[in-house]
Amino acid sequence: MEKNRMTKITWMVAGLVIACFSPVITHAQADTAAEEYHSTNTGPAALPPSVKTEFQGHFSLPYEVQCHGHKLAPGDYTLVVKTVGEDKMVTLQREGSDVVLHSRPVPPTSVSDHGPSAVMLRHGPGPGSHTLEGVYLENLKLVLFLDETRHTNPIDKVFASVKRVPIS
């Protein structure tokens, strides 16, 4: 009787092991040869967020600037603002390379919003450098902050003037 019970338990454990690992084996086969193991009950894990281009324009940097850890060389740039899901993404394009930046929208009343669309360059950190801090988009009445280092060094506050570079 004891031997019969042990045999049943052994078979139950073996069956559970096979049942647990069988889907893993079939998924591995589906990953390596997906065309041979098509399944109709699967879908994408997550739908891609909707992407909408809201603004595109051109501007020219007169000197090297820093922006969120990136050094941007002087020259002509294309600026593209896209909405990805709920977020605004700013892409700076120059000579085939893209710098994609997350932004933080703020109401334009908190920043001087008079005039045409422009990128905002702040003098600092230090007396000889500049930071691309934000973008004002006239047609969207929107200010996007790109670099929020806030220049905590006291000497940087002395040189903290903002220059607007127009976007065409």
N, C-alpha and C. Protein backbone atom coordinates (compact mmCIF):
# COMPACT_ATOMS: atom_id res chain seq x y z
N MET A 1 0.81 -1.18 0.00
CA MET A 1 0.00 0.00 0.00
C MET A 1 0.87 1.27 0.00
N GLU A 2 1.91 1.29 0.85
CA GLU A 2 2.81 2.43 0.91
C GLU A 2 3.53 2.62 -0.42
N LYS A 3 3.92 1.57 -1.07
CA LYS A 3 4.63 1.65 -2.35
C LYS A 3 3.69 2.19 -3.43
N ASN A 4 2.44 1.80 -3.40
CA ASN A 4 1.46 2.27 -4.37
C ASN A 4 1.24 3.78 -4.22
N ARG A 5 1.19 4.27 -3.00
CA ARG A 5 1.00 5.70 -2.74
C ARG A 5 2.22 6.49 -3.22
N MET A 6 3.42 5.99 -2.99
CA MET A 6 4.65 6.66 -3.46
C MET A 6 4.69 6.72 -4.97
N THR A 7 4.23 5.68 -5.64
CA THR A 7 4.20 5.66 -7.10
C THR A 7 3.25 6.75 -7.62
N LYS A 8 2.07 6.86 -7.00
CA LYS A 8 1.11 7.89 -7.41
C LYS A 8 1.68 9.29 -7.20
N ILE A 9 2.33 9.51 -6.06
CA ILE A 9 2.92 10.82 -5.78
C ILE A 9 4.02 11.13 -6.79
N THR A 10 4.85 10.15 -7.12
CA THR A 10 5.92 10.35 -8.09
C THR A 10 5.35 10.74 -9.45
N TRP A 11 4.28 10.04 -9.89
CA TRP A 11 3.66 10.36 -11.18
C TRP A 11 3.02 11.75 -11.15
N MET A 12 2.41 12.12 -10.04
CA MET A 12 1.81 13.45 -9.92
C MET A 12 2.87 14.55 -10.00
N VAL A 13 3.99 14.35 -9.32
CA VAL A 13 5.08 15.33 -9.36
C VAL A 13 5.64 15.43 -10.77
N ALA A 14 5.84 14.28 -11.43
CA ALA A 14 6.36 14.28 -12.80
C ALA A 14 5.38 14.99 -13.74
N GLY A 15 4.10 14.77 -13.56
CA GLY A 15 3.09 15.43 -14.39
C GLY A 15 3.07 16.93 -14.17
N LEU A 16 3.19 17.36 -12.91
CA LEU A 16 3.23 18.79 -12.62
C LEU A 16 4.47 19.45 -13.21
N VAL A 17 5.61 18.79 -13.13
CA VAL A 17 6.84 19.33 -13.70
C VAL A 17 6.69 19.51 -15.21
N ILE A 18 6.15 18.51 -15.88
CA ILE A 18 5.95 18.60 -17.34
C ILE A 18 4.95 19.71 -17.66
N ALA A 19 3.88 19.80 -16.89
CA ALA A 19 2.87 20.84 -17.13
C ALA A 19 3.44 22.24 -16.92
N CYS A 20 4.31 22.38 -15.94
CA CYS A 20 4.89 23.70 -15.66
C CYS A 20 5.89 24.13 -16.73
N PHE A 21 6.71 23.21 -17.21
CA PHE A 21 7.76 23.57 -18.15
C PHE A 21 7.34 23.47 -19.61
N SER A 22 6.23 22.87 -19.91
CA SER A 22 5.80 22.72 -21.29
C SER A 22 5.57 24.07 -21.98
N PRO A 23 4.87 25.04 -21.36
CA PRO A 23 4.70 26.34 -22.04
C PRO A 23 6.02 27.05 -22.28
N VAL A 24 6.98 26.91 -21.36
CA VAL A 24 8.28 27.54 -21.52
C VAL A 24 8.98 26.97 -22.74
N ILE A 25 8.91 25.67 -22.92
CA ILE A 25 9.55 25.02 -24.06
C ILE A 25 8.90 25.49 -25.36
N THR A 26 7.58 25.56 -25.40
CA THR A 26 6.91 25.97 -26.64
C THR A 26 7.15 27.44 -26.93
N HIS A 27 7.24 28.29 -25.89
CA HIS A 27 7.55 29.70 -26.14
C HIS A 27 8.96 29.85 -26.67
N ALA A 28 9.89 29.07 -26.17
CA ALA A 28 11.25 29.13 -26.67
C ALA A 28 11.30 28.73 -28.13
N GLN A 29 10.53 27.71 -28.52
CA GLN A 29 10.48 27.32 -29.92
C GLN A 29 9.85 28.42 -30.76
N ALA A 30 8.83 29.06 -30.25
CA ALA A 30 8.17 30.12 -30.98
C ALA A 30 9.08 31.32 -31.17
N ASP A 31 9.96 31.58 -30.20
CA ASP A 31 10.89 32.70 -30.34
C ASP A 31 11.96 32.43 -31.39
N THR A 32 12.42 31.19 -31.48
CA THR A 32 13.49 30.89 -32.42
C THR A 32 12.98 30.60 -33.83
N ALA A 33 11.76 30.14 -33.96
CA ALA A 33 11.19 29.84 -35.27
C ALA A 33 9.73 30.28 -35.27
N ALA A 34 9.52 31.57 -35.16
CA ALA A 34 8.17 32.10 -34.98
C ALA A 34 7.24 31.77 -36.13
N GLU A 35 7.75 31.70 -37.35
CA GLU A 35 6.89 31.42 -38.49
C GLU A 35 6.31 30.01 -38.46
N GLU A 36 6.95 29.11 -37.74
CA GLU A 36 6.46 27.74 -37.65
C GLU A 36 5.51 27.53 -36.48
N TYR A 37 5.48 28.45 -35.53
CA TYR A 37 4.67 28.29 -34.32
C TYR A 37 3.76 29.50 -34.14
N HIS A 38 2.94 29.78 -35.12
CA HIS A 38 2.04 30.93 -35.05
C HIS A 38 0.91 30.65 -34.07
N SER A 39 0.62 31.62 -33.23
CA SER A 39 -0.47 31.49 -32.27
C SER A 39 -1.47 32.60 -32.53
N THR A 40 -2.75 32.27 -32.56
CA THR A 40 -3.77 33.26 -32.85
C THR A 40 -4.26 33.99 -31.61
N ASN A 41 -3.90 33.53 -30.43
CA ASN A 41 -4.41 34.16 -29.22
C ASN A 41 -3.41 35.10 -28.57
N THR A 42 -2.44 35.58 -29.32
CA THR A 42 -1.46 36.50 -28.76
C THR A 42 -1.59 37.84 -29.45
N GLY A 43 -1.17 38.89 -28.77
CA GLY A 43 -1.20 40.25 -29.31
C GLY A 43 0.02 40.99 -28.80
N PRO A 44 0.20 42.21 -29.23
CA PRO A 44 1.34 42.97 -28.74
C PRO A 44 1.22 43.20 -27.24
N ALA A 45 2.36 43.21 -26.58
CA ALA A 45 2.37 43.38 -25.12
C ALA A 45 1.81 44.74 -24.72
N ALA A 46 2.17 45.78 -25.46
CA ALA A 46 1.65 47.11 -25.18
C ALA A 46 1.51 47.85 -26.49
N LEU A 47 0.44 48.56 -26.64
CA LEU A 47 0.26 49.33 -27.85
C LEU A 47 1.19 50.53 -27.81
N PRO A 48 1.82 50.88 -28.95
CA PRO A 48 2.71 52.04 -28.94
C PRO A 48 1.90 53.30 -28.71
N PRO A 49 2.45 54.24 -27.93
CA PRO A 49 1.71 55.47 -27.69
C PRO A 49 1.59 56.27 -28.98
N SER A 50 0.53 57.05 -29.08
CA SER A 50 0.34 57.85 -30.28
C SER A 50 1.41 58.94 -30.32
N VAL A 51 1.95 59.17 -31.52
CA VAL A 51 2.98 60.18 -31.70
C VAL A 51 2.42 61.23 -32.65
N LYS A 52 2.45 62.48 -32.21
CA LYS A 52 1.91 63.57 -33.00
C LYS A 52 2.94 64.69 -33.07
N THR A 53 3.35 65.07 -34.29
CA THR A 53 4.26 66.19 -34.46
C THR A 53 3.46 67.47 -34.33
N GLU A 54 3.84 68.30 -33.36
CA GLU A 54 3.10 69.53 -33.10
C GLU A 54 3.80 70.78 -33.64
N PHE A 55 5.12 70.70 -33.81
CA PHE A 55 5.85 71.88 -34.26
C PHE A 55 7.15 71.43 -34.91
N GLN A 56 7.55 72.15 -35.97
CA GLN A 56 8.85 71.94 -36.59
C GLN A 56 9.36 73.30 -37.05
N GLY A 57 10.62 73.60 -36.74
CA GLY A 57 11.21 74.87 -37.14
C GLY A 57 12.72 74.76 -37.18
N HIS A 58 13.36 75.86 -37.57
CA HIS A 58 14.82 75.91 -37.72
C HIS A 58 15.38 77.07 -36.92
N PHE A 59 16.57 76.87 -36.35
CA PHE A 59 17.27 77.94 -35.65
C PHE A 59 18.76 77.73 -35.80
N SER A 60 19.53 78.76 -35.47
CA SER A 60 20.98 78.69 -35.61
C SER A 60 21.63 79.09 -34.29
N LEU A 61 22.50 78.23 -33.79
CA LEU A 61 23.23 78.53 -32.55
C LEU A 61 24.49 79.31 -32.91
N PRO A 62 24.71 80.46 -32.28
CA PRO A 62 25.90 81.26 -32.60
C PRO A 62 27.18 80.74 -31.93
N TYR A 63 27.02 79.91 -30.91
CA TYR A 63 28.18 79.38 -30.19
C TYR A 63 27.79 78.04 -29.57
N GLU A 64 28.78 77.32 -29.03
CA GLU A 64 28.50 76.03 -28.39
C GLU A 64 27.66 76.25 -27.15
N VAL A 65 26.65 75.38 -26.97
CA VAL A 65 25.81 75.44 -25.78
C VAL A 65 25.69 74.05 -25.18
N GLN A 66 25.31 74.01 -23.93
CA GLN A 66 25.05 72.75 -23.24
C GLN A 66 23.55 72.61 -23.06
N CYS A 67 23.09 71.38 -23.11
CA CYS A 67 21.68 71.13 -22.86
C CYS A 67 21.51 69.73 -22.31
N HIS A 68 21.16 69.65 -21.06
CA HIS A 68 20.86 68.38 -20.41
C HIS A 68 21.95 67.33 -20.64
N GLY A 69 23.20 67.74 -20.44
CA GLY A 69 24.32 66.81 -20.58
C GLY A 69 24.86 66.67 -21.99
N HIS A 70 24.27 67.34 -22.96
CA HIS A 70 24.73 67.29 -24.34
C HIS A 70 25.42 68.61 -24.68
N LYS A 71 26.51 68.51 -25.47
CA LYS A 71 27.15 69.72 -25.99
C LYS A 71 26.69 69.88 -27.43
N LEU A 72 26.10 71.04 -27.73
CA LEU A 72 25.60 71.33 -29.06
C LEU A 72 26.54 72.33 -29.73
N ALA A 73 27.09 71.94 -30.87
CA ALA A 73 28.04 72.77 -31.60
C ALA A 73 27.31 73.93 -32.27
N PRO A 74 28.02 75.02 -32.55
CA PRO A 74 27.40 76.12 -33.27
C PRO A 74 26.95 75.64 -34.65
N GLY A 75 25.87 76.22 -35.15
CA GLY A 75 25.39 75.86 -36.48
C GLY A 75 23.88 75.82 -36.56
N ASP A 76 23.39 75.35 -37.71
CA ASP A 76 21.96 75.30 -37.97
C ASP A 76 21.35 74.01 -37.46
N TYR A 77 20.17 74.12 -36.84
CA TYR A 77 19.47 72.99 -36.26
C TYR A 77 18.01 73.00 -36.71
N THR A 78 17.42 71.81 -36.75
CA THR A 78 15.99 71.66 -36.92
C THR A 78 15.44 71.22 -35.57
N LEU A 79 14.37 71.87 -35.15
CA LEU A 79 13.73 71.56 -33.87
C LEU A 79 12.37 70.94 -34.17
N VAL A 80 12.12 69.76 -33.60
CA VAL A 80 10.85 69.07 -33.79
C VAL A 80 10.27 68.79 -32.40
N VAL A 81 9.01 69.19 -32.20
CA VAL A 81 8.32 68.91 -30.95
C VAL A 81 7.22 67.91 -31.24
N LYS A 82 7.26 66.78 -30.54
CA LYS A 82 6.26 65.73 -30.72
C LYS A 82 5.61 65.42 -29.39
N THR A 83 4.35 65.03 -29.47
CA THR A 83 3.67 64.54 -28.29
C THR A 83 3.67 63.03 -28.37
N VAL A 84 4.27 62.39 -27.37
CA VAL A 84 4.33 60.94 -27.29
C VAL A 84 3.53 60.54 -26.06
N GLY A 85 2.33 60.04 -26.30
CA GLY A 85 1.43 59.76 -25.19
C GLY A 85 1.05 61.08 -24.54
N GLU A 86 1.46 61.27 -23.29
CA GLU A 86 1.19 62.51 -22.56
C GLU A 86 2.41 63.43 -22.52
N ASP A 87 3.58 62.95 -23.00
CA ASP A 87 4.82 63.70 -22.86
C ASP A 87 5.15 64.48 -24.13
N LYS A 88 5.82 65.61 -23.95
CA LYS A 88 6.33 66.41 -25.06
C LYS A 88 7.82 66.09 -25.20
N MET A 89 8.21 65.65 -26.39
CA MET A 89 9.61 65.33 -26.67
C MET A 89 10.14 66.36 -27.66
N VAL A 90 11.33 66.89 -27.39
CA VAL A 90 11.96 67.86 -28.27
C VAL A 90 13.17 67.18 -28.90
N THR A 91 13.21 67.21 -30.24
CA THR A 91 14.34 66.62 -30.96
C THR A 91 15.09 67.74 -31.67
N LEU A 92 16.41 67.79 -31.44
CA LEU A 92 17.27 68.74 -32.12
C LEU A 92 18.07 67.95 -33.14
N GLN A 93 17.92 68.32 -34.43
CA GLN A 93 18.57 67.58 -35.51
C GLN A 93 19.62 68.47 -36.17
N ARG A 94 20.81 67.89 -36.39
CA ARG A 94 21.89 68.61 -37.07
C ARG A 94 22.80 67.60 -37.75
N GLU A 95 22.96 67.76 -39.04
CA GLU A 95 23.89 66.94 -39.84
C GLU A 95 23.71 65.44 -39.57
N GLY A 96 22.48 64.97 -39.57
CA GLY A 96 22.21 63.54 -39.44
C GLY A 96 22.22 63.00 -38.02
N SER A 97 22.47 63.84 -37.03
CA SER A 97 22.42 63.34 -35.65
C SER A 97 21.27 64.01 -34.92
N ASP A 98 20.65 63.24 -34.05
CA ASP A 98 19.50 63.72 -33.29
C ASP A 98 19.81 63.72 -31.81
N VAL A 99 19.37 64.76 -31.13
CA VAL A 99 19.41 64.81 -29.67
C VAL A 99 17.95 64.89 -29.24
N VAL A 100 17.48 63.85 -28.54
CA VAL A 100 16.09 63.80 -28.10
C VAL A 100 16.06 64.15 -26.61
N LEU A 101 15.22 65.12 -26.27
CA LEU A 101 15.16 65.63 -24.90
C LEU A 101 13.74 65.55 -24.37
N HIS A 102 13.60 65.14 -23.13
CA HIS A 102 12.32 65.22 -22.44
C HIS A 102 12.14 66.68 -22.03
N SER A 103 10.92 67.14 -22.01
CA SER A 103 10.69 68.52 -21.63
C SER A 103 9.62 68.60 -20.55
N ARG A 104 9.57 69.75 -19.93
CA ARG A 104 8.55 70.01 -18.92
C ARG A 104 7.79 71.25 -19.35
N PRO A 105 6.53 71.08 -19.78
CA PRO A 105 5.75 72.25 -20.19
C PRO A 105 5.37 73.11 -18.99
N VAL A 106 5.40 74.42 -19.20
CA VAL A 106 4.96 75.36 -18.17
C VAL A 106 4.07 76.40 -18.84
N PRO A 107 3.19 77.02 -18.09
CA PRO A 107 2.36 78.07 -18.68
C PRO A 107 3.23 79.23 -19.16
N PRO A 108 2.95 79.79 -20.32
CA PRO A 108 3.80 80.87 -20.84
C PRO A 108 3.75 82.14 -20.00
N THR A 109 2.78 82.28 -19.12
CA THR A 109 2.73 83.47 -18.28
C THR A 109 3.86 83.51 -17.26
N SER A 110 4.49 82.33 -17.00
CA SER A 110 5.58 82.31 -16.03
C SER A 110 6.92 82.67 -16.65
N VAL A 111 6.96 82.81 -17.98
CA VAL A 111 8.19 83.16 -18.69
C VAL A 111 7.81 84.25 -19.68
N SER A 112 8.73 85.14 -19.96
CA SER A 112 8.45 86.18 -20.94
C SER A 112 8.07 85.52 -22.27
N ASP A 113 6.83 85.70 -22.70
CA ASP A 113 6.36 85.00 -23.89
C ASP A 113 6.03 85.95 -25.03
N HIS A 114 6.61 87.11 -25.01
CA HIS A 114 6.34 88.07 -26.06
C HIS A 114 7.25 87.79 -27.25
N GLY A 115 6.70 87.85 -28.44
CA GLY A 115 7.49 87.67 -29.63
C GLY A 115 7.33 86.31 -30.26
N PRO A 116 8.12 86.07 -31.31
CA PRO A 116 7.99 84.82 -32.05
C PRO A 116 8.60 83.63 -31.31
N SER A 117 8.36 82.45 -31.86
CA SER A 117 8.94 81.22 -31.29
C SER A 117 10.45 81.37 -31.21
N ALA A 118 11.03 80.85 -30.13
CA ALA A 118 12.47 81.01 -29.93
C ALA A 118 12.98 79.94 -28.98
N VAL A 119 14.29 79.65 -29.10
CA VAL A 119 14.96 78.85 -28.08
C VAL A 119 15.56 79.85 -27.10
N MET A 120 15.62 79.45 -25.83
CA MET A 120 16.12 80.35 -24.80
C MET A 120 17.49 79.87 -24.33
N LEU A 121 18.49 80.72 -24.54
CA LEU A 121 19.85 80.40 -24.13
C LEU A 121 20.17 81.21 -22.88
N ARG A 122 20.62 80.51 -21.85
CA ARG A 122 21.00 81.17 -20.60
C ARG A 122 22.51 81.20 -20.51
N HIS A 123 23.04 82.36 -20.11
CA HIS A 123 24.48 82.53 -19.93
C HIS A 123 24.88 81.77 -18.68
N GLY A 124 25.81 80.84 -18.81
CA GLY A 124 26.27 80.05 -17.66
C GLY A 124 26.09 78.58 -17.93
N PRO A 125 26.57 77.69 -17.16
CA PRO A 125 27.33 77.94 -15.94
C PRO A 125 28.73 78.46 -16.25
N GLY A 126 29.19 79.39 -15.48
CA GLY A 126 30.50 80.00 -15.70
C GLY A 126 30.39 81.17 -16.64
N PRO A 127 31.42 82.02 -16.66
CA PRO A 127 31.36 83.23 -17.46
C PRO A 127 31.45 83.01 -18.97
N GLY A 128 31.97 81.89 -19.43
CA GLY A 128 32.17 81.71 -20.87
C GLY A 128 31.29 80.66 -21.51
N SER A 129 30.27 80.16 -20.82
CA SER A 129 29.46 79.09 -21.40
C SER A 129 27.99 79.46 -21.42
N HIS A 130 27.21 78.67 -22.18
CA HIS A 130 25.78 78.92 -22.33
C HIS A 130 25.02 77.61 -22.25
N THR A 131 23.77 77.70 -21.83
CA THR A 131 22.90 76.53 -21.72
C THR A 131 21.62 76.78 -22.50
N LEU A 132 21.22 75.81 -23.33
CA LEU A 132 19.93 75.87 -24.00
C LEU A 132 18.92 75.38 -22.96
N GLU A 133 18.16 76.33 -22.43
CA GLU A 133 17.33 76.03 -21.28
C GLU A 133 15.88 75.71 -21.63
N GLY A 134 15.39 76.28 -22.73
CA GLY A 134 13.98 76.05 -23.04
C GLY A 134 13.61 76.49 -24.44
N VAL A 135 12.34 76.27 -24.76
CA VAL A 135 11.79 76.62 -26.07
C VAL A 135 10.44 77.29 -25.84
N TYR A 136 10.22 78.43 -26.52
CA TYR A 136 8.91 79.05 -26.50
C TYR A 136 8.29 78.86 -27.88
N LEU A 137 7.08 78.29 -27.93
CA LEU A 137 6.38 78.03 -29.19
C LEU A 137 5.16 78.95 -29.26
N GLU A 138 5.27 79.97 -30.11
CA GLU A 138 4.23 80.99 -30.19
C GLU A 138 2.87 80.42 -30.60
N ASN A 139 2.84 79.58 -31.65
CA ASN A 139 1.55 79.07 -32.13
C ASN A 139 0.86 78.14 -31.14
N LEU A 140 1.61 77.50 -30.25
CA LEU A 140 1.03 76.63 -29.22
C LEU A 140 0.87 77.34 -27.88
N LYS A 141 1.41 78.57 -27.79
CA LYS A 141 1.43 79.32 -26.52
C LYS A 141 1.96 78.41 -25.40
N LEU A 142 3.16 77.86 -25.65
CA LEU A 142 3.72 76.85 -24.77
C LEU A 142 5.21 77.10 -24.55
N VAL A 143 5.65 76.96 -23.31
CA VAL A 143 7.07 77.01 -22.97
C VAL A 143 7.48 75.62 -22.51
N LEU A 144 8.56 75.10 -23.10
CA LEU A 144 9.07 73.79 -22.73
C LEU A 144 10.46 73.97 -22.12
N PHE A 145 10.61 73.59 -20.86
CA PHE A 145 11.94 73.63 -20.24
C PHE A 145 12.69 72.36 -20.58
N LEU A 146 13.94 72.51 -21.04
CA LEU A 146 14.76 71.37 -21.45
C LEU A 146 15.87 71.09 -20.45
N ASP A 147 16.44 72.12 -19.85
CA ASP A 147 17.55 71.95 -18.92
C ASP A 147 17.24 72.76 -17.68
N GLU A 148 17.10 72.08 -16.56
CA GLU A 148 16.70 72.76 -15.33
C GLU A 148 17.79 72.71 -14.27
N THR A 149 19.03 72.97 -14.66
CA THR A 149 20.12 72.93 -13.69
C THR A 149 20.05 74.09 -12.71
N ARG A 150 19.36 75.15 -13.11
CA ARG A 150 19.10 76.32 -12.26
C ARG A 150 20.36 77.06 -11.81
N HIS A 151 21.52 76.70 -12.30
CA HIS A 151 22.76 77.44 -12.04
C HIS A 151 22.91 77.81 -10.57
N THR A 152 23.09 76.83 -9.73
CA THR A 152 23.12 77.05 -8.29
C THR A 152 24.39 77.75 -7.81
N ASN A 153 25.44 77.77 -8.61
CA ASN A 153 26.66 78.46 -8.25
C ASN A 153 26.38 79.97 -8.21
N PRO A 154 26.70 80.68 -7.14
CA PRO A 154 26.39 82.12 -7.04
C PRO A 154 26.97 82.95 -8.18
N ILE A 155 28.15 82.61 -8.65
CA ILE A 155 28.75 83.38 -9.75
C ILE A 155 27.93 83.24 -11.03
N ASP A 156 27.29 82.07 -11.22
CA ASP A 156 26.47 81.87 -12.42
C ASP A 156 25.24 82.76 -12.41
N LYS A 157 24.74 83.11 -11.22
CA LYS A 157 23.57 83.98 -11.15
C LYS A 157 23.90 85.38 -11.64
N VAL A 158 25.16 85.79 -11.51
CA VAL A 158 25.58 87.09 -12.00
C VAL A 158 25.46 87.14 -13.52
N PHE A 159 25.77 86.01 -14.19
CA PHE A 159 25.77 85.96 -15.64
C PHE A 159 24.50 85.30 -16.21
N ALA A 160 23.44 85.23 -15.42
CA ALA A 160 22.28 84.41 -15.78
C ALA A 160 21.27 85.08 -16.72
N SER A 161 21.71 85.93 -17.61
CA SER A 161 20.77 86.56 -18.55
C SER A 161 20.32 85.54 -19.58
N VAL A 162 19.12 85.76 -20.15
CA VAL A 162 18.56 84.86 -21.14
C VAL A 162 18.55 85.55 -22.49
N LYS A 163 19.03 84.85 -23.52
CA LYS A 163 19.01 85.36 -24.89
C LYS A 163 18.04 84.50 -25.67
N ARG A 164 17.17 85.12 -26.45
CA ARG A 164 16.21 84.40 -27.29
C ARG A 164 16.78 84.30 -28.70
N VAL A 165 16.86 83.06 -29.21
CA VAL A 165 17.28 82.82 -30.59
C VAL A 165 16.04 82.43 -31.37
N PRO A 166 15.64 83.23 -32.38
CA PRO A 166 14.37 82.97 -33.08
C PRO A 166 14.37 81.65 -33.84
N ILE A 167 13.18 81.04 -33.89
CA ILE A 167 12.95 79.81 -34.65
C ILE A 167 12.12 80.21 -35.86
N SER A 168 12.57 79.81 -37.04
CA SER A 168 11.79 80.13 -38.25
C SER A 168 11.03 78.93 -38.74
